Amino acid sequence: QVQLVESGGGSVLTGGSLRLSCAASGYHHSAYCLAWFRQAPGKAREGVAGIGTNGVATTTDSVKGRFTISRDNAKTTLFLEMNSLKPEDTGQYYCAASPSARARLDPADYPYWGQGTQVTVS
């Protein structure tokens, strides 16, 4: 079974930085892509960034130049480096896995999800 556990969330001032981590297990990295999603109160879950099995990363327009997604060398941990944080970045952040080579930013493509970690920017 694919298991995902997020960590690193917290409160930060506008313009600050935060790094989220997601420990992944129960799958082979050659068969799954990973991604970060977020959900603010009253809003739909949206894709933030994803990384394919080939290491190619993609980010949504609202975080380009500020957020960076990456995996460790063993590909067991997913990271999201967040810089120049804005209040609109506030939300519950989730990591997710999909049995696909390319990391599309559609929640419907991801059958495996972590519990989430809260990020609050003020």
Protein backbone atom coordinates (compact mmCIF):
# COMPACT_ATOMS: atom_id res chain seq x y z
CA GLN A 1 0.00 0.00 0.00
CA VAL A 2 1.20 3.49 -0.82
CA GLN A 3 1.63 5.58 2.32
CA LEU A 4 2.31 9.30 2.41
CA VAL A 5 3.05 11.37 5.51
CA GLU A 6 3.45 15.15 5.31
CA SER A 7 5.38 17.32 7.74
CA GLY A 8 6.88 20.79 7.98
CA GLY A 9 3.78 22.93 8.03
CA GLY A 10 3.40 25.89 10.33
CA SER A 11 2.87 29.62 10.56
CA VAL A 12 5.08 32.09 8.77
CA LEU A 13 5.07 35.80 8.03
CA THR A 14 4.36 37.15 4.59
CA GLY A 15 7.52 36.95 2.51
CA GLY A 16 8.91 34.13 4.60
CA SER A 17 9.89 30.60 3.66
CA LEU A 18 8.88 27.10 4.60
CA ARG A 19 9.84 23.61 3.49
CA LEU A 20 7.35 20.78 3.46
CA SER A 21 8.32 17.13 3.42
CA CYS A 22 6.43 14.00 2.48
CA ALA A 23 7.70 10.57 3.42
CA ALA A 24 6.58 8.07 0.82
CA SER A 25 6.59 4.30 1.10
CA GLY A 26 4.90 1.20 -0.24
CA TYR A 27 5.54 1.83 -3.91
CA HIS A 28 8.24 1.72 -6.57
CA HIS A 29 9.40 5.15 -7.64
CA SER A 30 9.61 4.10 -11.28
CA ALA A 31 5.85 3.61 -11.40
CA TYR A 32 4.50 6.65 -9.56
CA CYS A 33 4.69 10.40 -9.86
CA LEU A 34 4.25 12.67 -6.85
CA ALA A 35 2.60 16.03 -6.37
CA TRP A 36 1.58 18.66 -3.86
CA PHE A 37 -1.95 20.00 -3.60
CA ARG A 38 -3.49 22.57 -1.30
CA GLN A 39 -6.93 23.51 -0.15
CA ALA A 40 -8.05 26.74 1.48
CA PRO A 41 -11.33 27.05 3.40
CA GLY A 42 -14.25 27.38 1.01
CA LYS A 43 -12.13 26.62 -2.03
CA ALA A 44 -11.54 23.57 -4.17
CA ARG A 45 -8.38 21.55 -3.87
CA GLU A 46 -5.80 22.76 -6.36
CA GLY A 47 -2.57 21.40 -7.72
CA VAL A 48 0.58 23.23 -6.63
CA ALA A 49 3.50 21.27 -8.03
CA GLY A 50 4.28 17.82 -9.33
CA ILE A 51 7.29 15.76 -10.29
CA GLY A 52 7.24 12.89 -12.76
CA THR A 53 9.03 9.57 -12.63
CA ASN A 54 11.71 11.09 -14.87
CA GLY A 55 12.31 13.98 -12.48
CA VAL A 56 10.60 16.60 -14.60
CA ALA A 57 8.80 19.12 -12.41
CA THR A 58 5.82 21.33 -13.05
CA THR A 59 4.23 24.08 -10.98
CA THR A 60 1.01 26.00 -11.18
CA ASP A 61 1.30 29.58 -12.42
CA SER A 62 0.50 31.16 -9.07
CA VAL A 63 3.63 29.71 -7.44
CA LYS A 64 6.10 29.80 -10.32
CA GLY A 65 9.36 31.37 -9.25
CA ARG A 66 8.50 30.93 -5.58
CA PHE A 67 7.96 27.20 -5.00
CA THR A 68 10.23 24.32 -5.95
CA ILE A 69 9.34 20.64 -5.84
CA SER A 70 12.03 17.98 -5.52
CA ARG A 71 12.76 14.43 -4.37
CA ASP A 72 15.70 13.10 -2.42
CA ASN A 73 18.26 10.84 -4.05
CA ALA A 74 16.53 7.69 -2.84
CA LYS A 75 13.19 9.10 -4.03
CA THR A 76 11.56 8.24 -0.74
CA THR A 77 10.91 11.82 0.33
CA LEU A 78 9.13 14.59 -1.53
CA PHE A 79 9.88 18.23 -0.74
CA LEU A 80 8.23 21.53 -1.43
CA GLU A 81 10.43 24.59 -0.92
CA MET A 82 8.21 27.62 -0.51
CA ASN A 83 9.64 31.13 -0.67
CA SER A 84 8.14 34.62 -0.78
CA LEU A 85 5.02 33.27 0.84
CA LYS A 86 1.78 35.19 0.53
CA PRO A 87 -1.43 35.06 2.59
CA GLU A 88 -3.16 33.41 -0.37
CA ASP A 89 -0.78 30.47 0.01
CA THR A 90 -2.51 29.62 3.28
CA GLY A 91 -4.19 26.23 3.30
CA GLN A 92 -3.91 22.56 4.02
CA TYR A 93 -1.14 21.05 1.93
CA TYR A 94 -1.29 17.44 0.79
CA CYS A 95 1.14 15.20 -1.00
CA ALA A 96 -0.27 12.66 -3.41
CA ALA A 97 0.90 9.82 -5.62
CA SER A 98 -0.33 8.64 -9.00
CA PRO A 99 0.48 5.55 -11.09
CA SER A 100 1.51 7.77 -13.95
CA ALA A 101 4.82 8.89 -15.43
CA ARG A 102 3.82 12.55 -15.75
CA ALA A 103 2.59 14.60 -12.82
CA ARG A 104 -0.55 16.34 -13.94
CA LEU A 105 -2.07 18.75 -11.44
CA ASP A 106 -5.56 17.30 -11.37
CA PRO A 107 -6.64 15.85 -8.01
CA ALA A 108 -8.73 13.24 -9.80
CA ASP A 109 -5.56 11.65 -11.17
CA TYR A 110 -4.24 10.84 -7.70
CA PRO A 111 -5.60 7.83 -5.82
CA TYR A 112 -3.15 8.07 -2.91
CA TRP A 113 -3.09 10.94 -0.43
CA GLY A 114 -1.42 11.98 2.78
CA GLN A 115 -3.25 13.46 5.75
CA GLY A 116 -2.10 16.99 5.06
CA THR A 117 -0.16 19.68 6.89
CA GLN A 118 -1.36 23.20 7.59
CA VAL A 119 0.43 26.24 6.22
CA THR A 120 -0.61 29.65 7.49
CA VAL A 121 0.84 32.87 6.09
CA SER A 122 0.04 36.19 7.71
